[in-house]
Amino acid sequence: MSANPALVRALLGELCPAPFPNEVFVLRRDRVQCELHGVQTRVKGWQVRGTLYLSNIRLVFVALSTDESGLLAFDFPLCYIRNDKLNQPIFGCNNLSGQVWPAVEHGGPAGELPPHDFKIYFKEGGIGTFYHLYYTLAERAKKGV
């Protein structure tokens, strides 16, 4: 997890994650909501709407605009996500919840820093295509393939 990863402007002026070498973005979902708990911001958490990008390496959430937290985007390395779970409540929207270790010094599975809880809500639209791709890519990343 990385706060405010590098972003680039796309053709229509929107912000998109700058790709890493050998990274391929496979899916984009607009109008999702992200909740992060335990992150060090001015408001001790982050809850905002925006766009979610899925690649073979990570999930990147880009907010529609900055808020009082100072965050605009967040990076979730697939290999650092644990306890991820697809939730499909009867009353409410589909969401992906779990924990992610910080991708900073002393972070990660062997680090001293605890993971952060997250929840990504799919407010408009299904989760079927996203979850199938996410699950496949996350399993590969966790196995180091």
Protein backbone atom coordinates (compact mmCIF):
# COMPACT_ATOMS: atom_id res chain seq x y z
CA MET A 1 0.00 0.00 0.00
CA SER A 2 1.33 3.37 -0.93
CA ALA A 3 -0.24 6.74 -0.42
CA ASN A 4 -0.47 8.96 -3.47
CA PRO A 5 1.31 6.76 -6.05
CA ALA A 6 2.49 8.33 -9.29
CA LEU A 7 -0.38 9.36 -11.57
CA VAL A 8 -0.47 10.51 -15.18
CA ARG A 9 -3.08 12.47 -17.15
CA ALA A 10 -4.96 10.43 -19.74
CA LEU A 11 -6.22 11.74 -23.06
CA LEU A 12 -9.44 13.10 -21.59
CA GLY A 13 -7.62 14.80 -18.70
CA GLU A 14 -8.43 12.21 -16.04
CA LEU A 15 -5.77 10.91 -13.67
CA CYS A 16 -4.63 7.30 -14.10
CA PRO A 17 -1.91 5.31 -12.33
CA ALA A 18 1.53 5.44 -13.94
CA PRO A 19 2.42 1.83 -14.82
CA PHE A 20 5.45 0.01 -13.43
CA PRO A 21 7.74 -1.90 -15.80
CA ASN A 22 5.96 -5.08 -17.00
CA GLU A 23 2.66 -3.96 -15.45
CA VAL A 24 -0.56 -4.45 -17.40
CA PHE A 25 -3.83 -2.80 -16.36
CA VAL A 26 -6.67 -5.20 -17.12
CA LEU A 27 -9.77 -3.55 -15.66
CA ARG A 28 -11.13 -0.20 -14.55
CA ARG A 29 -14.24 0.35 -12.43
CA ASP A 30 -15.75 3.81 -12.03
CA ARG A 31 -18.07 4.99 -9.27
CA VAL A 32 -16.65 2.85 -6.47
CA GLN A 33 -16.11 3.87 -2.86
CA CYS A 34 -12.99 3.09 -0.85
CA GLU A 35 -12.68 2.98 2.95
CA LEU A 36 -9.27 2.71 4.60
CA HIS A 37 -8.78 2.45 8.35
CA GLY A 38 -5.59 2.96 10.29
CA VAL A 39 -3.85 5.14 7.71
CA GLN A 40 -2.00 8.19 8.94
CA THR A 41 -3.96 11.13 7.62
CA ARG A 42 -5.23 14.30 9.19
CA VAL A 43 -8.57 12.57 9.78
CA LYS A 44 -7.26 9.03 10.68
CA GLY A 45 -8.94 7.22 7.86
CA TRP A 46 -10.10 7.70 4.33
CA GLN A 47 -13.53 7.28 2.78
CA VAL A 48 -13.98 8.60 -0.74
CA ARG A 49 -15.49 7.83 -4.16
CA GLY A 50 -13.44 7.36 -7.29
CA THR A 51 -12.08 4.88 -9.82
CA LEU A 52 -10.46 1.51 -9.19
CA TYR A 53 -7.79 0.09 -11.50
CA LEU A 54 -6.72 -3.57 -11.46
CA SER A 55 -3.36 -4.69 -12.85
CA ASN A 56 -1.29 -7.84 -12.69
CA ILE A 57 0.64 -6.26 -9.77
CA ARG A 58 -1.77 -4.08 -7.79
CA LEU A 59 -5.09 -2.39 -7.23
CA VAL A 60 -4.96 1.40 -7.50
CA PHE A 61 -7.79 3.57 -6.23
CA VAL A 62 -7.89 7.15 -7.57
CA ALA A 63 -10.27 9.57 -5.85
CA LEU A 64 -12.44 11.97 -7.81
CA SER A 65 -10.86 14.85 -5.88
CA THR A 66 -8.63 15.52 -2.92
CA ASP A 67 -10.14 16.02 0.50
CA GLU A 68 -8.96 17.11 3.96
CA SER A 69 -6.92 13.90 4.32
CA GLY A 70 -4.43 15.01 1.66
CA LEU A 71 -4.80 11.72 -0.25
CA LEU A 72 -5.69 11.49 -3.91
CA ALA A 73 -4.80 7.87 -4.66
CA PHE A 74 -3.87 4.64 -2.94
CA ASP A 75 -1.91 1.64 -4.11
CA PHE A 76 -2.73 -1.91 -2.91
CA PRO A 77 0.01 -4.41 -3.92
CA LEU A 78 -1.76 -7.72 -4.62
CA CYS A 79 0.95 -9.71 -2.84
CA TYR A 80 0.40 -7.64 0.37
CA ILE A 81 -3.37 -8.18 0.58
CA ARG A 82 -4.64 -10.75 3.10
CA ASN A 83 -7.99 -11.90 4.45
CA ASP A 84 -9.66 -10.60 1.29
CA LYS A 85 -13.30 -11.49 1.03
CA LEU A 86 -16.09 -10.87 -1.44
CA ASN A 87 -19.20 -9.65 0.38
CA GLN A 88 -22.59 -9.76 -1.31
CA PRO A 89 -25.12 -8.50 1.24
CA ILE A 90 -28.85 -8.82 0.61
CA PHE A 91 -29.40 -5.15 1.48
CA GLY A 92 -26.45 -3.12 0.34
CA CYS A 93 -23.85 -3.12 -2.40
CA ASN A 94 -21.26 -5.74 -3.23
CA ASN A 95 -17.87 -5.06 -1.72
CA LEU A 96 -14.36 -6.43 -1.34
CA SER A 97 -12.91 -6.28 2.15
CA GLY A 98 -9.58 -7.28 3.61
CA GLN A 99 -6.30 -6.06 4.97
CA VAL A 100 -3.21 -4.73 3.23
CA TRP A 101 0.30 -4.26 4.59
CA PRO A 102 2.00 -0.92 4.01
CA ALA A 103 4.55 -0.95 1.18
CA VAL A 104 6.99 1.24 3.06
CA GLU A 105 10.11 0.67 5.14
CA HIS A 106 9.32 -1.74 8.02
CA GLY A 107 6.06 -2.69 6.29
CA GLY A 108 5.04 -5.84 4.48
CA PRO A 109 4.39 -9.32 5.88
CA ALA A 110 7.79 -9.48 7.63
CA GLY A 111 7.73 -5.87 8.80
CA GLU A 112 6.80 -4.28 12.10
CA LEU A 113 3.87 -2.22 10.83
CA PRO A 114 0.35 -3.68 11.09
CA PRO A 115 -1.87 -4.10 8.04
CA HIS A 116 -4.66 -1.63 7.32
CA ASP A 117 -8.30 -2.65 6.97
CA PHE A 118 -9.99 -1.73 3.71
CA LYS A 119 -13.34 -2.06 2.03
CA ILE A 120 -14.09 -1.28 -1.61
CA TYR A 121 -17.78 -0.79 -2.41
CA PHE A 122 -19.09 -1.29 -5.94
CA LYS A 123 -21.89 1.27 -5.74
CA GLU A 124 -23.02 1.11 -9.36
CA GLY A 125 -22.63 -2.17 -11.17
CA GLY A 126 -21.69 -5.74 -10.48
CA ILE A 127 -18.59 -7.32 -9.13
CA GLY A 128 -18.60 -10.53 -11.20
CA THR A 129 -16.04 -9.62 -13.88
CA PHE A 130 -13.87 -7.71 -11.42
CA TYR A 131 -13.76 -10.43 -8.78
CA HIS A 132 -12.86 -13.23 -11.20
CA LEU A 133 -9.92 -11.25 -12.58
CA TYR A 134 -8.91 -9.96 -9.14
CA TYR A 135 -8.92 -13.43 -7.58
CA THR A 136 -6.82 -14.93 -10.41
CA LEU A 137 -4.26 -12.11 -10.38
CA ALA A 138 -4.07 -11.95 -6.56
CA GLU A 139 -3.41 -15.69 -6.30
CA ARG A 140 -0.62 -15.43 -8.89
CA ALA A 141 0.93 -12.45 -7.11
CA LYS A 142 0.83 -14.16 -3.71
CA LYS A 143 2.53 -17.25 -5.18
CA GLY A 144 5.13 -15.08 -6.90
CA VAL A 145 4.19 -16.23 -10.42
